[in-house]
Amino acid sequence: MTNQPEAAYNNKGATRATDPQTSSYSRDFRRQIIQRKKEKIVSFQKAFGARIVLLALIATGSLSGAGYAQVTIVTEKPRSPSAVAAGNNLYCAGYIQAGAISTGNRIIGGQDEADKYNYAQNDFLYINMGNSKGVNVGDIFAVVRPRGEVKSKWSKKDNLGFYVQEVGALEVVDVKQEVAVARVKTSCDTFLLGDLVQLVASRTSPLRETLPPLDRFADTTGKARGRILLARDGHEMITRDQIAFVDIGADENARVGDRLTIFRPLPKGNIFTMPERESVRSKNDGFASDEYKGGKFSNQSGRKSGENADGIEISTERAKKGRPFLRKVVGEAVILNVKEKTATILITRTAQEIHTGDYVEIQ
């Protein structure tokens, strides 16, 4: 005979174990339901790109559909577009200048010049500018180093100018009558005595845009074309986020922010020596056996011209004759700085390596 109080207790325990309204099982189950709803919301957010933030999800009611608390969401503010170039790529890119450069202001000494020739971040230098030239504590100056005249077989322009390396920036910390003490605020390369000091030109980087995939078969635009003359640090194989210089400038109405397509004529750009012949000659024989005479024609020869195959072989060069201009798109760039005959560009997208000598065209 079953003890009624004990049975009631057991039944009560069973109820606690199975009733979602009152048991710990119910609380765990509700937590699982809430977690699944959160995961669904996150999954929806990723799938459709919705920028939402889940602030609170409070579940009430029973499993039978008494209802859940309302989900509170807020829309995230759109993020500001980021700059294409910053830091060294913006203020230390360098440029090719055709006009004369001012050489009056320069670095004339270093606090530790008895111990070293090269200076870098946080070193103290002397410049030949003081109260007499209106210099004040806190003033910031650019430091540049002209490197020499630019001549390139890639450009048809005469007198492109000279390459100016941008070394970094100085901040004035103490001012005398004829000189000032400046701390190296930004160092893109080692500073040397004799480097020129100039006013900092404010620069604004173009903003990143949401662009379709790189069109490797894009048609020409008919706008200004030029060539890549050289790249910063002497690179010959150029890739994304590197600086290069092109012979498109103010005389072609180039502007900061213009996007360039980088391309080369279709058969150009191979750095290796191609074989002299792409196939064996048709008249070569020795492939057939002496007994069965399978044929004298090589499977590796080109076709014979003529409707009756009685002409000369069609070589690769002959096959290209008469075709329209075809090009190979290898990347894109954006203009950061424009001078008289040239511009400084930043490589933004690549389909493969880019070489000096490749063509550029304003999009």
Protein backbone atom coordinates (compact mmCIF):
# COMPACT_ATOMS: atom_id res chain seq x y z
CA MET A 1 0.00 0.00 0.00
CA THR A 2 1.35 3.31 -1.05
CA ASN A 3 1.96 5.92 1.56
CA GLN A 4 -0.21 8.87 0.46
CA PRO A 5 1.96 11.65 1.87
CA GLU A 6 4.99 10.09 0.26
CA ALA A 7 3.17 9.65 -3.03
CA ALA A 8 2.02 13.23 -2.90
CA TYR A 9 5.58 14.32 -2.25
CA ASN A 10 6.82 12.23 -5.19
CA ASN A 11 4.10 13.60 -7.44
CA LYS A 12 5.02 17.08 -6.36
CA GLY A 13 8.64 16.39 -7.20
CA ALA A 14 7.62 15.06 -10.58
CA THR A 15 5.65 18.22 -11.17
CA ARG A 16 8.67 20.31 -10.30
CA ALA A 17 10.77 18.30 -12.71
CA THR A 18 8.36 18.69 -15.63
CA ASP A 19 6.27 21.83 -15.13
CA PRO A 20 7.92 24.69 -17.06
CA GLN A 21 6.06 27.29 -15.03
CA THR A 22 7.59 26.50 -11.65
CA SER A 23 10.67 24.34 -11.97
CA SER A 24 14.34 25.03 -12.45
CA TYR A 25 13.93 23.02 -15.63
CA SER A 26 11.59 25.75 -16.82
CA ARG A 27 14.11 28.48 -16.09
CA ASP A 28 16.86 26.62 -17.95
CA PHE A 29 14.54 25.97 -20.85
CA ARG A 30 13.53 29.62 -21.06
CA ARG A 31 17.20 30.63 -21.03
CA GLN A 32 17.82 28.30 -23.96
CA ILE A 33 14.91 29.82 -25.86
CA ILE A 34 16.25 33.31 -25.21
CA GLN A 35 19.74 32.32 -26.34
CA ARG A 36 18.33 30.83 -29.53
CA LYS A 37 16.42 34.04 -30.25
CA LYS A 38 19.61 36.03 -29.75
CA GLU A 39 21.47 33.75 -32.16
CA LYS A 40 18.72 34.12 -34.76
CA ILE A 41 18.92 37.91 -34.47
CA VAL A 42 22.71 37.87 -34.84
CA SER A 43 22.41 35.51 -37.81
CA PHE A 44 19.84 37.82 -39.42
CA GLN A 45 22.12 40.79 -38.79
CA LYS A 46 25.06 39.10 -40.51
CA ALA A 47 23.01 37.86 -43.45
CA PHE A 48 21.40 41.16 -44.34
CA GLY A 49 24.01 43.60 -43.05
CA ALA A 50 21.59 45.27 -40.65
CA ARG A 51 23.49 47.36 -38.14
CA ILE A 52 21.51 46.74 -35.01
CA VAL A 53 22.43 46.26 -31.39
CA LEU A 54 20.42 44.05 -29.07
CA LEU A 55 20.12 45.90 -25.76
CA ALA A 56 17.79 43.67 -23.76
CA LEU A 57 15.78 40.50 -24.14
CA ILE A 58 13.55 39.64 -21.17
CA ALA A 59 11.46 36.49 -21.45
CA THR A 60 8.22 36.09 -19.54
CA GLY A 61 5.21 33.79 -19.82
CA SER A 62 4.96 30.07 -20.40
CA LEU A 63 5.95 27.71 -23.18
CA SER A 64 2.37 27.53 -24.32
CA GLY A 65 2.65 31.00 -25.90
CA ALA A 66 1.79 33.39 -23.11
CA GLY A 67 4.23 35.71 -24.85
CA TYR A 68 7.74 37.01 -24.54
CA ALA A 69 8.87 40.47 -23.63
CA GLN A 70 9.42 42.97 -26.44
CA VAL A 71 12.90 43.10 -27.97
CA THR A 72 14.47 46.57 -27.76
CA ILE A 73 16.79 47.50 -30.62
CA VAL A 74 18.50 50.68 -31.72
CA THR A 75 19.99 51.59 -35.07
CA GLU A 76 23.74 52.21 -35.02
CA LYS A 77 24.89 55.52 -36.49
CA PRO A 78 26.49 55.11 -39.93
CA ARG A 79 30.26 55.06 -39.73
CA SER A 80 32.14 57.86 -41.41
CA PRO A 81 34.09 56.76 -44.51
CA SER A 82 37.75 56.11 -43.74
CA ALA A 83 40.66 57.79 -45.52
CA VAL A 84 42.48 55.99 -48.32
CA ALA A 85 45.87 57.26 -47.13
CA ALA A 86 47.08 58.26 -43.68
CA GLY A 87 50.34 58.77 -41.82
CA ASN A 88 53.43 58.08 -43.88
CA ASN A 89 51.49 57.49 -47.08
CA LEU A 90 49.88 60.93 -46.82
CA TYR A 91 52.67 63.19 -45.53
CA CYS A 92 55.74 61.19 -46.53
CA ALA A 93 54.81 60.06 -50.03
CA GLY A 94 57.14 62.49 -51.79
CA TYR A 95 56.59 64.18 -55.14
CA ILE A 96 58.23 65.20 -58.40
CA GLN A 97 58.39 68.99 -58.68
CA ALA A 98 59.15 70.98 -61.82
CA GLY A 99 59.46 74.44 -60.25
CA ALA A 100 62.31 75.68 -58.08
CA ILE A 101 62.31 74.79 -54.39
CA SER A 102 63.17 77.19 -51.58
CA THR A 103 66.50 76.33 -49.98
CA GLY A 104 66.77 79.16 -47.44
CA ASN A 105 65.52 77.31 -44.36
CA ARG A 106 67.27 74.13 -43.27
CA ILE A 107 68.52 71.98 -40.40
CA ILE A 108 71.85 73.32 -39.21
CA GLY A 109 72.67 71.27 -36.11
CA GLY A 110 71.74 68.49 -33.74
CA GLN A 111 71.91 68.32 -29.97
CA ASP A 112 73.83 65.03 -30.20
CA GLU A 113 75.82 65.78 -33.34
CA ALA A 114 79.08 64.89 -31.55
CA ASP A 115 77.86 61.30 -31.38
CA LYS A 116 75.91 60.68 -34.59
CA TYR A 117 75.01 61.91 -38.04
CA ASN A 118 71.50 60.52 -38.37
CA TYR A 119 68.51 61.69 -36.37
CA ALA A 120 65.08 60.24 -35.78
CA GLN A 121 61.99 60.39 -33.58
CA ASN A 122 62.25 62.71 -30.54
CA ASP A 123 65.78 63.93 -31.33
CA PHE A 124 66.40 67.68 -30.96
CA LEU A 125 67.66 69.65 -33.95
CA TYR A 126 68.51 73.28 -34.69
CA ILE A 127 67.03 75.16 -37.62
CA ASN A 128 68.13 78.55 -38.96
CA MET A 129 64.76 80.12 -38.20
CA GLY A 130 64.00 82.12 -35.07
CA ASN A 131 62.19 85.20 -33.78
CA SER A 132 63.51 87.19 -36.72
CA LYS A 133 61.44 84.99 -39.06
CA GLY A 134 58.35 84.88 -36.88
CA VAL A 135 58.84 81.36 -35.54
CA ASN A 136 56.94 80.45 -32.36
CA VAL A 137 56.99 77.53 -29.94
CA GLY A 138 54.59 74.87 -31.19
CA ASP A 139 55.08 75.64 -34.87
CA ILE A 140 55.35 72.53 -37.05
CA PHE A 141 57.49 72.36 -40.17
CA ALA A 142 57.93 69.75 -42.88
CA VAL A 143 61.40 68.41 -43.67
CA VAL A 144 62.20 67.51 -47.29
CA ARG A 145 65.22 66.30 -49.19
CA PRO A 146 65.54 66.95 -52.95
CA ARG A 147 67.16 63.86 -54.48
CA GLY A 148 67.78 64.75 -58.10
CA GLU A 149 66.38 65.19 -61.58
CA VAL A 150 63.93 62.61 -62.86
CA LYS A 151 64.47 61.20 -66.34
CA SER A 152 62.46 58.23 -67.50
CA LYS A 153 62.29 56.26 -70.71
CA TRP A 154 58.63 55.70 -69.92
CA SER A 155 57.59 59.33 -70.44
CA LYS A 156 57.48 61.52 -73.54
CA LYS A 157 57.47 64.68 -71.41
CA ASP A 158 60.57 66.83 -71.21
CA ASN A 159 61.85 68.31 -67.95
CA LEU A 160 59.63 66.31 -65.61
CA GLY A 161 61.35 67.93 -62.63
CA PHE A 162 63.21 66.55 -59.63
CA TYR A 163 62.23 64.06 -56.99
CA VAL A 164 61.65 65.44 -53.49
CA GLN A 165 61.71 62.99 -50.59
CA GLU A 166 59.52 63.91 -47.63
CA VAL A 167 61.49 63.00 -44.52
CA GLY A 168 59.11 63.97 -41.70
CA ALA A 169 58.08 66.85 -39.47
CA LEU A 170 59.61 69.04 -36.73
CA GLU A 171 57.88 70.75 -33.78
CA VAL A 172 59.51 73.90 -32.38
CA VAL A 173 60.19 73.68 -28.63
CA ASP A 174 62.44 76.70 -28.05
CA VAL A 175 63.02 79.89 -30.04
CA LYS A 176 66.07 82.16 -30.13
CA GLN A 177 66.60 85.28 -32.21
CA GLU A 178 68.19 83.57 -35.22
CA VAL A 179 67.69 79.87 -34.52
CA ALA A 180 65.10 77.55 -33.00
CA VAL A 181 65.24 74.16 -31.34
CA ALA A 182 62.85 71.61 -32.82
CA ARG A 183 61.97 68.08 -31.82
CA VAL A 184 61.49 65.41 -34.46
CA LYS A 185 57.75 64.91 -34.25
CA THR A 186 57.30 62.47 -37.14
CA SER A 187 60.12 60.49 -38.74
CA CYS A 188 59.57 58.78 -42.08
CA ASP A 189 63.29 58.35 -42.66
CA THR A 190 66.50 59.41 -40.95
CA PHE A 191 67.03 63.18 -40.71
CA LEU A 192 70.31 64.68 -41.91
CA LEU A 193 71.90 68.06 -41.34
CA GLY A 194 71.20 70.18 -44.39
CA ASP A 195 67.67 68.85 -44.97
CA LEU A 196 65.30 71.63 -46.00
CA VAL A 197 62.59 72.99 -43.71
CA GLN A 198 59.29 74.10 -45.19
CA LEU A 199 55.80 75.02 -44.10
CA VAL A 200 53.52 72.03 -43.72
CA ALA A 201 51.01 71.92 -46.55
CA SER A 202 47.65 70.68 -45.33
CA ARG A 203 46.59 67.55 -47.20
CA THR A 204 43.30 65.75 -47.29
CA SER A 205 43.18 62.10 -48.24
CA PRO A 206 40.49 60.84 -50.60
CA LEU A 207 37.88 58.72 -48.84
CA ARG A 208 37.35 55.04 -49.37
CA GLU A 209 34.36 54.16 -51.50
CA THR A 210 32.30 51.02 -51.80
CA LEU A 211 33.29 49.87 -55.26
CA PRO A 212 32.30 46.91 -57.41
CA PRO A 213 34.95 44.22 -57.96
CA LEU A 214 37.90 45.27 -60.08
CA ASP A 215 36.90 45.09 -63.74
CA ARG A 216 39.84 43.35 -65.37
CA PHE A 217 38.33 43.85 -68.82
CA ALA A 218 37.26 47.49 -68.46
CA ASP A 219 37.04 49.58 -71.62
CA THR A 220 39.16 52.69 -72.01
CA THR A 221 37.64 55.99 -70.91
CA GLY A 222 39.39 58.21 -73.44
CA LYS A 223 40.69 60.45 -70.64
CA ALA A 224 44.29 61.42 -69.91
CA ARG A 225 46.86 58.63 -70.01
CA GLY A 226 50.33 58.42 -68.58
CA ARG A 227 52.98 56.00 -67.32
CA ILE A 228 54.30 54.99 -63.93
CA LEU A 229 57.74 56.62 -63.77
CA LEU A 230 59.07 55.28 -60.51
CA ALA A 231 57.98 54.13 -57.07
CA ARG A 232 58.98 55.23 -53.59
CA ASP A 233 62.08 53.49 -52.21
CA GLY A 234 63.07 52.33 -55.70
CA HIS A 235 60.54 49.50 -55.92
CA GLU A 236 60.08 47.97 -59.35
CA MET A 237 57.38 45.46 -58.39
CA ILE A 238 54.59 47.52 -56.86
CA THR A 239 51.61 46.27 -54.90
CA ARG A 240 48.70 47.58 -52.86
CA ASP A 241 49.22 50.51 -50.46
CA GLN A 242 52.53 51.47 -52.05
CA ILE A 243 53.40 54.91 -53.44
CA ALA A 244 54.30 55.58 -57.07
CA PHE A 245 54.66 58.58 -59.39
CA VAL A 246 53.05 59.09 -62.80
CA ASP A 247 53.53 61.64 -65.58
CA ILE A 248 49.96 62.94 -65.33
CA GLY A 249 49.78 66.31 -63.60
CA ALA A 250 48.13 69.68 -63.51
CA ASP A 251 48.72 70.11 -67.25
CA GLU A 252 46.27 67.20 -67.80
CA ASN A 253 43.81 68.67 -65.26
CA ALA A 254 44.50 65.81 -62.86
CA ARG A 255 43.03 66.33 -59.39
CA VAL A 256 43.52 64.85 -55.94
CA GLY A 257 41.06 61.98 -55.58
CA ASP A 258 41.01 61.01 -59.25
CA ARG A 259 41.00 57.24 -59.67
CA LEU A 260 43.30 55.62 -62.18
CA THR A 261 43.13 52.34 -64.04
CA ILE A 262 46.54 50.69 -64.33
CA PHE A 263 47.07 48.56 -67.41
CA ARG A 264 49.56 47.39 -70.00
CA PRO A 265 49.23 46.29 -73.63
CA LEU A 266 48.18 42.66 -73.68
CA PRO A 267 51.47 41.01 -74.73
CA LYS A 268 53.68 43.22 -72.52
CA GLY A 269 54.96 42.86 -68.98
CA ASN A 270 56.79 39.52 -69.02
CA ILE A 271 60.10 39.87 -67.18
CA PHE A 272 61.39 36.56 -68.53
CA THR A 273 62.75 35.72 -71.99
CA MET A 274 60.18 33.96 -74.11
CA PRO A 275 61.30 31.08 -76.38
CA GLU A 276 62.04 32.10 -79.95
CA ARG A 277 59.46 29.72 -81.36
CA GLU A 278 56.16 28.76 -79.80
CA SER A 279 55.85 25.50 -81.77
CA VAL A 280 57.86 23.11 -83.93
CA ARG A 281 57.82 23.35 -87.71
CA SER A 282 55.15 21.52 -89.64
CA LYS A 283 57.65 20.11 -92.09
CA ASN A 284 59.62 18.41 -89.36
CA ASP A 285 59.33 14.66 -89.71
CA GLY A 286 60.66 11.60 -88.00
CA PHE A 287 57.50 11.10 -85.95
CA ALA A 288 56.17 8.17 -87.96
CA SER A 289 57.60 4.69 -88.00
CA ASP A 290 59.44 3.42 -91.05
CA GLU A 291 57.04 0.51 -91.36
CA TYR A 292 53.56 1.99 -90.94
CA LYS A 293 54.08 5.62 -92.00
CA GLY A 294 51.61 7.23 -89.62
CA GLY A 295 52.26 10.74 -90.93
CA LYS A 296 54.90 13.46 -91.15
CA PHE A 297 53.05 16.24 -89.32
CA SER A 298 53.91 17.25 -85.77
CA ASN A 299 51.05 17.60 -83.32
CA GLN A 300 52.90 20.63 -81.89
CA SER A 301 53.01 22.68 -85.08
CA GLY A 302 50.83 25.66 -85.98
CA ARG A 303 48.26 25.60 -88.74
CA LYS A 304 49.12 26.16 -92.38
CA SER A 305 47.58 29.22 -94.00
CA GLY A 306 45.44 29.08 -97.12
CA GLU A 307 42.14 27.44 -97.82
CA ASN A 308 43.98 24.36 -98.98
CA ALA A 309 46.58 24.47 -96.20
CA ASP A 310 49.27 25.16 -98.76
CA GLY A 311 50.59 28.43 -97.33
CA ILE A 312 53.04 29.35 -94.61
CA GLU A 313 52.61 28.49 -90.95
CA ILE A 314 50.56 30.89 -88.83
CA SER A 315 52.79 32.04 -85.98
CA THR A 316 51.72 33.87 -82.86
CA GLU A 317 52.86 37.21 -84.26
CA ARG A 318 50.99 36.64 -87.52
CA ALA A 319 47.83 35.74 -85.60
CA LYS A 320 47.97 39.10 -83.76
CA LYS A 321 48.17 41.22 -86.91
CA GLY A 322 45.16 43.40 -87.62
CA ARG A 323 43.53 42.97 -84.25
CA PRO A 324 42.29 46.04 -82.27
CA PHE A 325 44.16 47.34 -79.22
CA LEU A 326 43.80 44.94 -76.31
CA ARG A 327 44.96 45.69 -72.80
CA LYS A 328 45.45 43.88 -69.50
CA VAL A 329 44.13 45.69 -66.41
CA VAL A 330 46.48 45.02 -63.50
CA GLY A 331 45.21 47.41 -60.82
CA GLU A 332 43.81 50.73 -59.68
CA ALA A 333 45.24 53.77 -57.92
CA VAL A 334 44.13 57.10 -56.49
CA ILE A 335 45.90 60.46 -56.81
CA LEU A 336 47.19 61.92 -53.52
CA ASN A 337 49.17 64.94 -54.71
CA VAL A 338 49.34 66.84 -58.00
CA LYS A 339 52.30 68.84 -59.30
CA GLU A 340 52.92 70.61 -62.61
CA LYS A 341 53.69 67.57 -64.78
CA THR A 342 53.34 64.66 -62.40
CA ALA A 343 51.21 63.21 -59.63
CA THR A 344 51.79 61.05 -56.57
CA ILE A 345 49.52 58.01 -56.45
CA LEU A 346 48.63 55.27 -53.98
CA ILE A 347 47.96 51.77 -55.31
CA THR A 348 44.53 50.74 -54.01
CA ARG A 349 43.75 47.47 -55.81
CA THR A 350 45.79 44.94 -57.75
CA ALA A 351 45.06 42.01 -60.04
CA GLN A 352 48.75 41.07 -60.11
CA GLU A 353 52.12 42.77 -59.64
CA ILE A 354 52.48 46.27 -61.12
CA HIS A 355 55.68 47.46 -62.82
CA THR A 356 57.25 50.81 -63.46
CA GLY A 357 56.37 51.58 -67.06
CA ASP A 358 52.76 50.40 -66.77
CA TYR A 359 50.15 52.75 -68.17
CA VAL A 360 47.59 54.69 -66.14
CA GLU A 361 44.33 56.24 -67.29
CA ILE A 362 41.98 58.54 -65.41
CA GLN A 363 38.66 56.79 -64.83
